[in-house]
Amino acid sequence: MIEPNTLEELRALPKNLKVVWNSRDLKTGGLKKETFKEARAIFPGWLCQASNIETLGDMEVTADAILVGTHLSRFVESIENITQL
């Protein structure tokens, strides 16, 4: 998988690659200005949404996969809450 840092880098990638769009800026640790929705708008290929996913509500429906890290416990709780309804 490839993890570009900017939309410009993403735009230059071949569309047959598997790509991770991380909402966290790996250089600063802060949030990127560019969102997953913006990344999806320019990259029609396989795209994983990564970082800052706390609940099912944070997932973008157009993501082919998600990567949940720091907030895994809260994410699992959000799944359990839905399955109990």
Protein backbone atom coordinates (compact mmCIF):
# COMPACT_ATOMS: atom_id res chain seq x y z
CA MET A 1 0.00 0.00 0.00
CA ILE A 2 1.04 3.55 -0.70
CA GLU A 3 0.42 6.47 1.67
CA PRO A 4 0.75 9.84 -0.04
CA ASN A 5 1.08 12.98 2.07
CA THR A 6 -0.69 15.41 -0.23
CA LEU A 7 -3.47 15.46 -2.78
CA GLU A 8 -0.87 16.29 -5.42
CA GLU A 9 1.02 13.09 -4.60
CA LEU A 10 -2.26 11.15 -4.63
CA ARG A 11 -3.23 12.59 -8.01
CA ALA A 12 0.07 11.38 -9.51
CA LEU A 13 -0.39 7.75 -8.43
CA PRO A 14 -1.53 5.05 -10.85
CA LYS A 15 -5.19 4.23 -10.21
CA ASN A 16 -4.50 0.49 -9.88
CA LEU A 17 -2.55 0.88 -6.61
CA LYS A 18 -3.98 0.32 -3.15
CA VAL A 19 -3.70 3.63 -1.35
CA VAL A 20 -4.11 4.75 2.26
CA TRP A 21 -5.38 8.28 2.88
CA ASN A 22 -4.35 9.22 6.41
CA SER A 23 -6.11 12.22 7.90
CA ARG A 24 -3.12 12.71 10.19
CA ASP A 25 -0.15 14.62 8.84
CA LEU A 26 2.73 12.24 9.45
CA LYS A 27 5.23 15.10 9.58
CA THR A 28 3.49 17.16 12.26
CA GLY A 29 1.11 14.71 13.91
CA GLY A 30 -1.76 17.17 13.41
CA LEU A 31 -4.71 16.87 11.09
CA LYS A 32 -4.33 17.42 7.37
CA LYS A 33 -6.36 20.17 5.75
CA GLU A 34 -7.36 17.77 2.98
CA THR A 35 -10.15 15.34 3.85
CA PHE A 36 -10.89 11.80 2.78
CA LYS A 37 -13.79 13.13 0.70
CA GLU A 38 -11.36 15.34 -1.23
CA ALA A 39 -9.00 12.42 -1.70
CA ARG A 40 -11.82 10.21 -2.96
CA ALA A 41 -12.91 12.90 -5.41
CA ILE A 42 -9.56 12.70 -7.21
CA PHE A 43 -8.72 9.02 -6.70
CA PRO A 44 -11.29 6.51 -7.99
CA GLY A 45 -9.18 3.44 -7.17
CA TRP A 46 -8.96 1.38 -3.97
CA LEU A 47 -8.70 3.84 -1.08
CA CYS A 48 -8.41 3.19 2.64
CA GLN A 49 -9.54 5.80 5.17
CA ALA A 50 -7.06 6.00 8.05
CA SER A 51 -6.81 7.82 11.38
CA ASN A 52 -9.29 9.70 13.52
CA ILE A 53 -11.98 7.06 13.16
CA GLU A 54 -13.68 6.71 16.54
CA THR A 55 -17.12 5.31 15.66
CA LEU A 56 -19.00 3.86 12.72
CA GLY A 57 -20.29 7.39 12.11
CA ASP A 58 -16.77 8.56 11.26
CA MET A 59 -16.48 6.15 8.33
CA GLU A 60 -16.92 7.42 4.81
CA VAL A 61 -19.21 5.20 2.77
CA THR A 62 -16.91 5.42 -0.24
CA ALA A 63 -13.91 3.98 1.64
CA ASP A 64 -12.84 0.56 0.44
CA ALA A 65 -11.30 -0.14 3.86
CA ILE A 66 -10.63 1.64 7.13
CA LEU A 67 -7.71 1.65 9.53
CA VAL A 68 -8.66 2.16 13.17
CA GLY A 69 -5.87 2.59 15.69
CA THR A 70 -5.95 4.77 18.78
CA HIS A 71 -9.74 4.69 19.13
CA LEU A 72 -10.22 0.95 18.59
CA SER A 73 -12.08 0.37 21.89
CA ARG A 74 -14.55 3.17 21.18
CA PHE A 75 -15.01 1.93 17.61
CA VAL A 76 -15.82 -1.58 18.82
CA GLU A 77 -18.34 -0.13 21.29
CA SER A 78 -20.05 1.73 18.46
CA ILE A 79 -20.40 -1.56 16.56
CA GLU A 80 -21.74 -3.34 19.64
CA ASN A 81 -24.30 -0.57 20.22
CA ILE A 82 -25.67 -0.99 16.71
CA THR A 83 -25.81 -4.79 16.86
CA GLN A 84 -27.79 -4.58 20.12
CA LEU A 85 -30.57 -2.49 18.55
